[in-house]
Amino acid sequence: MNNIQACTISMERLQQAPFYLNTGSEIKVQASAVNEAGESEKSDFSPHGSSNVIKMLDIPRALSKPTSYGKDSTGFTLAWTRLAVDDEVQVFCGSDDNTPTKLDINSWSTTQLSQTRRINFEAGARKYSCFVLACNDCGCSMASETEVVTLTDVPVAPQVVVFNPSACAVQVNW
């Protein structure tokens, strides 16, 4: 991910340090050794022998609720916006009362922040629930609000009631 490395530093250690790290801060590390005889000179800046810059990352912020449009009899288009080009967006959708599952989407293949994906309806499905989350090397954000798409153009089977059937007539209500 563009020569950015992530690391985890415990809060206890951060509180002992004479500095605070913010997302995007460049990290330079030096060390010295100490024993009864004294303290060594400081080491070279880390990363030793590496041209990569270490920058502090953070878990991405939660994304806004995805939106749906272009619904027809075969499916709909889901749209979302990621906050950083280096974040991967994971898209989850489920039909009816099924738990939303992760869709196979490679959001790193584009530098566009706004992205879309066509979702095809499963046979017999009445609604879809979809949410997104952003991920980077430090973890994933909380899930966004859920977008619910109801298939109003697919009618529910009518209930048929038969009254007073005889050999000559029948009354049918629905």
C-alpha atoms as a PDB file:
ATOM      1  CA  MET A   1       0.000   0.000   0.000  1.00  0.00           C
ATOM      2  CA  ASN A   2       2.290   2.783  -1.279  1.00  0.00           C
ATOM      3  CA  ASN A   3       5.279   2.084   1.016  1.00  0.00           C
ATOM      4  CA  ILE A   4       3.198   2.770   4.122  1.00  0.00           C
ATOM      5  CA  GLN A   5       3.816   0.440   7.027  1.00  0.00           C
ATOM      6  CA  ALA A   6       1.521   0.092   9.989  1.00  0.00           C
ATOM      7  CA  CYS A   7       2.423  -0.765  13.544  1.00  0.00           C
ATOM      8  CA  THR A   8       0.673  -1.163  16.851  1.00  0.00           C
ATOM      9  CA  ILE A   9       1.909   0.721  19.899  1.00  0.00           C
ATOM     10  CA  SER A  10       0.231   0.082  23.251  1.00  0.00           C
ATOM     11  CA  MET A  11      -1.430   3.021  24.994  1.00  0.00           C
ATOM     12  CA  GLU A  12       0.796   2.402  28.007  1.00  0.00           C
ATOM     13  CA  ARG A  13       3.869   2.928  25.838  1.00  0.00           C
ATOM     14  CA  LEU A  14       2.401   6.023  24.167  1.00  0.00           C
ATOM     15  CA  GLN A  15       1.765   7.574  27.567  1.00  0.00           C
ATOM     16  CA  GLN A  16       5.420   7.049  28.521  1.00  0.00           C
ATOM     17  CA  ALA A  17       6.725   8.573  25.298  1.00  0.00           C
ATOM     18  CA  PRO A  18       7.597  12.279  25.120  1.00  0.00           C
ATOM     19  CA  PHE A  19       5.482  12.599  21.937  1.00  0.00           C
ATOM     20  CA  TYR A  20       2.097  11.630  20.581  1.00  0.00           C
ATOM     21  CA  LEU A  21       1.509   9.974  17.223  1.00  0.00           C
ATOM     22  CA  ASN A  22      -1.266  11.091  14.936  1.00  0.00           C
ATOM     23  CA  THR A  23      -2.569   9.375  11.843  1.00  0.00           C
ATOM     24  CA  GLY A  24      -0.183  10.263   9.036  1.00  0.00           C
ATOM     25  CA  SER A  25       2.714  11.155  11.374  1.00  0.00           C
ATOM     26  CA  GLU A  26       6.083   9.975  10.123  1.00  0.00           C
ATOM     27  CA  ILE A  27       7.755   7.634  12.586  1.00  0.00           C
ATOM     28  CA  LYS A  28      11.503   7.748  13.184  1.00  0.00           C
ATOM     29  CA  VAL A  29      12.957   5.500  15.860  1.00  0.00           C
ATOM     30  CA  GLN A  30      16.319   5.642  17.640  1.00  0.00           C
ATOM     31  CA  ALA A  31      17.515   3.485  20.504  1.00  0.00           C
ATOM     32  CA  SER A  32      20.351   3.375  22.960  1.00  0.00           C
ATOM     33  CA  ALA A  33      21.572   0.603  25.218  1.00  0.00           C
ATOM     34  CA  VAL A  34      22.001   1.145  28.964  1.00  0.00           C
ATOM     35  CA  ASN A  35      23.894  -0.904  31.608  1.00  0.00           C
ATOM     36  CA  GLU A  36      25.803  -0.252  34.826  1.00  0.00           C
ATOM     37  CA  ALA A  37      28.743   1.239  32.901  1.00  0.00           C
ATOM     38  CA  GLY A  38      26.646   3.876  31.154  1.00  0.00           C
ATOM     39  CA  GLU A  39      24.624   4.551  28.021  1.00  0.00           C
ATOM     40  CA  SER A  40      25.651   3.917  24.419  1.00  0.00           C
ATOM     41  CA  GLU A  41      25.389   6.436  21.618  1.00  0.00           C
ATOM     42  CA  LYS A  42      22.034   6.583  19.875  1.00  0.00           C
ATOM     43  CA  SER A  43      21.467   4.230  16.961  1.00  0.00           C
ATOM     44  CA  ASP A  44      20.829   5.324  13.394  1.00  0.00           C
ATOM     45  CA  PHE A  45      17.249   6.184  12.591  1.00  0.00           C
ATOM     46  CA  SER A  46      15.060   3.183  11.858  1.00  0.00           C
ATOM     47  CA  PRO A  47      14.153   1.563   9.523  1.00  0.00           C
ATOM     48  CA  HIS A  48      17.785   0.504   9.169  1.00  0.00           C
ATOM     49  CA  GLY A  49      18.799   0.154   5.520  1.00  0.00           C
ATOM     50  CA  SER A  50      15.279   0.807   4.270  1.00  0.00           C
ATOM     51  CA  SER A  51      14.144   3.626   2.015  1.00  0.00           C
ATOM     52  CA  ASN A  52      10.519   3.156   3.061  1.00  0.00           C
ATOM     53  CA  VAL A  53       8.940   5.852   5.197  1.00  0.00           C
ATOM     54  CA  ILE A  54       6.987   4.566   8.169  1.00  0.00           C
ATOM     55  CA  LYS A  55       3.777   6.474   8.743  1.00  0.00           C
ATOM     56  CA  MET A  56       1.312   5.926  11.525  1.00  0.00           C
ATOM     57  CA  LEU A  57      -2.019   4.568  10.320  1.00  0.00           C
ATOM     58  CA  ASP A  58      -5.286   4.246  12.144  1.00  0.00           C
ATOM     59  CA  ILE A  59      -8.352   2.074  11.656  1.00  0.00           C
ATOM     60  CA  PRO A  60     -10.492   3.818   8.999  1.00  0.00           C
ATOM     61  CA  ARG A  61     -13.528   5.849  10.017  1.00  0.00           C
ATOM     62  CA  ALA A  62     -16.942   4.338   9.402  1.00  0.00           C
ATOM     63  CA  LEU A  63     -18.310   4.979   5.931  1.00  0.00           C
ATOM     64  CA  SER A  64     -21.609   6.634   5.109  1.00  0.00           C
ATOM     65  CA  LYS A  65     -24.566   4.431   4.294  1.00  0.00           C
ATOM     66  CA  PRO A  66     -24.413   3.060   0.730  1.00  0.00           C
ATOM     67  CA  THR A  67     -27.169   4.119  -1.649  1.00  0.00           C
ATOM     68  CA  SER A  68     -29.107   2.110  -4.186  1.00  0.00           C
ATOM     69  CA  TYR A  69     -30.417   3.180  -7.585  1.00  0.00           C
ATOM     70  CA  GLY A  70     -31.375   1.737 -10.953  1.00  0.00           C
ATOM     71  CA  LYS A  71     -33.611  -0.977  -9.514  1.00  0.00           C
ATOM     72  CA  ASP A  72     -35.344  -3.091 -12.152  1.00  0.00           C
ATOM     73  CA  SER A  73     -36.686  -6.641 -12.361  1.00  0.00           C
ATOM     74  CA  THR A  74     -33.182  -8.175 -12.367  1.00  0.00           C
ATOM     75  CA  GLY A  75     -31.365  -6.192  -9.675  1.00  0.00           C
ATOM     76  CA  PHE A  76     -30.091  -2.798  -8.521  1.00  0.00           C
ATOM     77  CA  THR A  77     -26.875  -0.791  -8.348  1.00  0.00           C
ATOM     78  CA  LEU A  78     -25.242  -0.124  -4.983  1.00  0.00           C
ATOM     79  CA  ALA A  79     -23.015   2.969  -4.617  1.00  0.00           C
ATOM     80  CA  TRP A  80     -20.613   3.997  -1.840  1.00  0.00           C
ATOM     81  CA  THR A  81     -17.758   6.422  -1.261  1.00  0.00           C
ATOM     82  CA  ARG A  82     -14.524   5.539   0.475  1.00  0.00           C
ATOM     83  CA  LEU A  83     -12.656   8.204   2.426  1.00  0.00           C
ATOM     84  CA  ALA A  84      -9.084   7.307   1.401  1.00  0.00           C
ATOM     85  CA  VAL A  85      -7.728   5.759  -1.790  1.00  0.00           C
ATOM     86  CA  ASP A  86      -5.560   3.402   0.278  1.00  0.00           C
ATOM     87  CA  ASP A  87      -8.589   1.946   2.086  1.00  0.00           C
ATOM     88  CA  GLU A  88     -10.208  -1.241   0.848  1.00  0.00           C
ATOM     89  CA  VAL A  89     -14.005  -1.237   0.981  1.00  0.00           C
ATOM     90  CA  GLN A  90     -15.759  -4.458   1.912  1.00  0.00           C
ATOM     91  CA  VAL A  91     -19.360  -4.731   0.726  1.00  0.00           C
ATOM     92  CA  PHE A  92     -21.856  -7.036   2.443  1.00  0.00           C
ATOM     93  CA  CYS A  93     -25.333  -7.881   1.075  1.00  0.00           C
ATOM     94  CA  GLY A  94     -27.965 -10.423   2.055  1.00  0.00           C
ATOM     95  CA  SER A  95     -31.413 -11.240   0.757  1.00  0.00           C
ATOM     96  CA  ASP A  96     -34.518 -11.392   2.921  1.00  0.00           C
ATOM     97  CA  ASP A  97     -33.547 -12.386   6.503  1.00  0.00           C
ATOM     98  CA  ASN A  98     -30.207 -13.961   5.538  1.00  0.00           C
ATOM     99  CA  THR A  99     -27.100 -12.548   7.192  1.00  0.00           C
ATOM    100  CA  PRO A 100     -25.324 -10.244   4.725  1.00  0.00           C
ATOM    101  CA  THR A 101     -22.209 -11.884   3.278  1.00  0.00           C
ATOM    102  CA  LYS A 102     -19.095 -10.285   1.827  1.00  0.00           C
ATOM    103  CA  LEU A 103     -19.180  -9.726  -1.916  1.00  0.00           C
ATOM    104  CA  ASP A 104     -16.051 -10.240  -3.990  1.00  0.00           C
ATOM    105  CA  ILE A 105     -15.080  -6.666  -4.882  1.00  0.00           C
ATOM    106  CA  ASN A 106     -11.544  -5.371  -5.472  1.00  0.00           C
ATOM    107  CA  SER A 107     -11.856  -1.726  -4.429  1.00  0.00           C
ATOM    108  CA  TRP A 108      -8.087  -1.151  -4.686  1.00  0.00           C
ATOM    109  CA  SER A 109      -8.146  -1.561  -8.470  1.00  0.00           C
ATOM    110  CA  THR A 110      -9.286   2.038  -8.930  1.00  0.00           C
ATOM    111  CA  THR A 111      -8.218   5.402  -7.585  1.00  0.00           C
ATOM    112  CA  GLN A 112     -11.839   6.610  -7.612  1.00  0.00           C
ATOM    113  CA  LEU A 113     -13.307   7.331  -4.183  1.00  0.00           C
ATOM    114  CA  SER A 114     -16.886   6.785  -5.421  1.00  0.00           C
ATOM    115  CA  GLN A 115     -17.620   3.235  -6.486  1.00  0.00           C
ATOM    116  CA  THR A 116     -20.598   1.142  -7.604  1.00  0.00           C
ATOM    117  CA  ARG A 117     -21.546  -2.504  -7.979  1.00  0.00           C
ATOM    118  CA  ARG A 118     -24.547  -4.104  -9.694  1.00  0.00           C
ATOM    119  CA  ILE A 119     -26.344  -6.590  -7.399  1.00  0.00           C
ATOM    120  CA  ASN A 120     -28.489  -9.191  -9.155  1.00  0.00           C
ATOM    121  CA  PHE A 121     -31.628 -10.441  -7.432  1.00  0.00           C
ATOM    122  CA  GLU A 122     -31.795 -14.041  -6.285  1.00  0.00           C
ATOM    123  CA  ALA A 123     -34.926 -15.946  -7.333  1.00  0.00           C
ATOM    124  CA  GLY A 124     -37.712 -15.451  -4.798  1.00  0.00           C
ATOM    125  CA  ALA A 125     -35.948 -12.715  -2.811  1.00  0.00           C
ATOM    126  CA  ARG A 126     -38.177  -9.911  -1.469  1.00  0.00           C
ATOM    127  CA  LYS A 127     -35.563  -7.493  -0.074  1.00  0.00           C
ATOM    128  CA  TYR A 128     -31.828  -6.923   0.187  1.00  0.00           C
ATOM    129  CA  SER A 129     -29.843  -5.476   3.087  1.00  0.00           C
ATOM    130  CA  CYS A 130     -26.398  -4.056   2.299  1.00  0.00           C
ATOM    131  CA  PHE A 131     -23.689  -2.277   4.302  1.00  0.00           C
ATOM    132  CA  VAL A 132     -20.046  -1.341   3.744  1.00  0.00           C
ATOM    133  CA  LEU A 133     -16.943  -0.999   5.865  1.00  0.00           C
ATOM    134  CA  ALA A 134     -13.464   0.346   5.177  1.00  0.00           C
ATOM    135  CA  CYS A 135     -10.290  -1.616   5.930  1.00  0.00           C
ATOM    136  CA  ASN A 136      -6.566  -0.962   5.928  1.00  0.00           C
ATOM    137  CA  ASP A 137      -3.524  -2.686   7.457  1.00  0.00           C
ATOM    138  CA  CYS A 138      -4.641  -1.632  10.966  1.00  0.00           C
ATOM    139  CA  GLY A 139      -8.122  -3.154  10.766  1.00  0.00           C
ATOM    140  CA  CYS A 140     -11.658  -2.380   9.651  1.00  0.00           C
ATOM    141  CA  SER A 141     -14.087   0.375  10.524  1.00  0.00           C
ATOM    142  CA  MET A 142     -17.468  -0.219  12.081  1.00  0.00           C
ATOM    143  CA  ALA A 143     -20.152  -1.193   9.578  1.00  0.00           C
ATOM    144  CA  SER A 144     -22.056   1.622   7.927  1.00  0.00           C
ATOM    145  CA  GLU A 145     -25.788   1.996   8.305  1.00  0.00           C
ATOM    146  CA  THR A 146     -27.674  -0.633   6.321  1.00  0.00           C
ATOM    147  CA  GLU A 147     -29.310   0.166   2.990  1.00  0.00           C
ATOM    148  CA  VAL A 148     -32.486  -1.892   2.557  1.00  0.00           C
ATOM    149  CA  VAL A 149     -33.793  -2.421  -0.974  1.00  0.00           C
ATOM    150  CA  THR A 150     -37.336  -3.769  -1.202  1.00  0.00           C
ATOM    151  CA  LEU A 151     -38.421  -5.486  -4.386  1.00  0.00           C
ATOM    152  CA  THR A 152     -41.789  -3.780  -4.692  1.00  0.00           C
ATOM    153  CA  ASP A 153     -42.069  -4.686  -8.356  1.00  0.00           C
ATOM    154  CA  VAL A 154     -42.153  -8.429  -7.565  1.00  0.00           C
ATOM    155  CA  PRO A 155     -45.688  -9.200  -6.371  1.00  0.00           C
ATOM    156  CA  VAL A 156     -46.507 -11.594  -3.547  1.00  0.00           C
ATOM    157  CA  ALA A 157     -48.636 -14.605  -4.577  1.00  0.00           C
ATOM    158  CA  PRO A 158     -52.323 -13.862  -3.879  1.00  0.00           C
ATOM    159  CA  GLN A 159     -54.357 -15.993  -1.487  1.00  0.00           C
ATOM    160  CA  VAL A 160     -57.273 -17.658  -3.232  1.00  0.00           C
ATOM    161  CA  VAL A 161     -60.416 -18.594  -1.282  1.00  0.00           C
ATOM    162  CA  VAL A 162     -63.136 -20.767  -2.871  1.00  0.00           C
ATOM    163  CA  PHE A 163     -66.751 -20.455  -1.586  1.00  0.00           C
ATOM    164  CA  ASN A 164     -69.835 -22.595  -2.216  1.00  0.00           C
ATOM    165  CA  PRO A 165     -68.500 -24.869  -4.910  1.00  0.00           C
ATOM    166  CA  SER A 166     -71.140 -26.810  -6.851  1.00  0.00           C
ATOM    167  CA  ALA A 167     -71.288 -28.664 -10.152  1.00  0.00           C
ATOM    168  CA  CYS A 168     -72.568 -25.493 -11.873  1.00  0.00           C
ATOM    169  CA  ALA A 169     -70.808 -22.596 -10.123  1.00  0.00           C
ATOM    170  CA  VAL A 170     -68.030 -21.555  -7.752  1.00  0.00           C
ATOM    171  CA  GLN A 171     -67.217 -18.293  -6.026  1.00  0.00           C
ATOM    172  CA  VAL A 172     -63.519 -17.385  -5.904  1.00  0.00           C
ATOM    173  CA  ASN A 173     -62.080 -14.466  -3.942  1.00  0.00           C
ATOM    174  CA  TRP A 174     -58.470 -13.247  -3.874  1.00  0.00           C
END
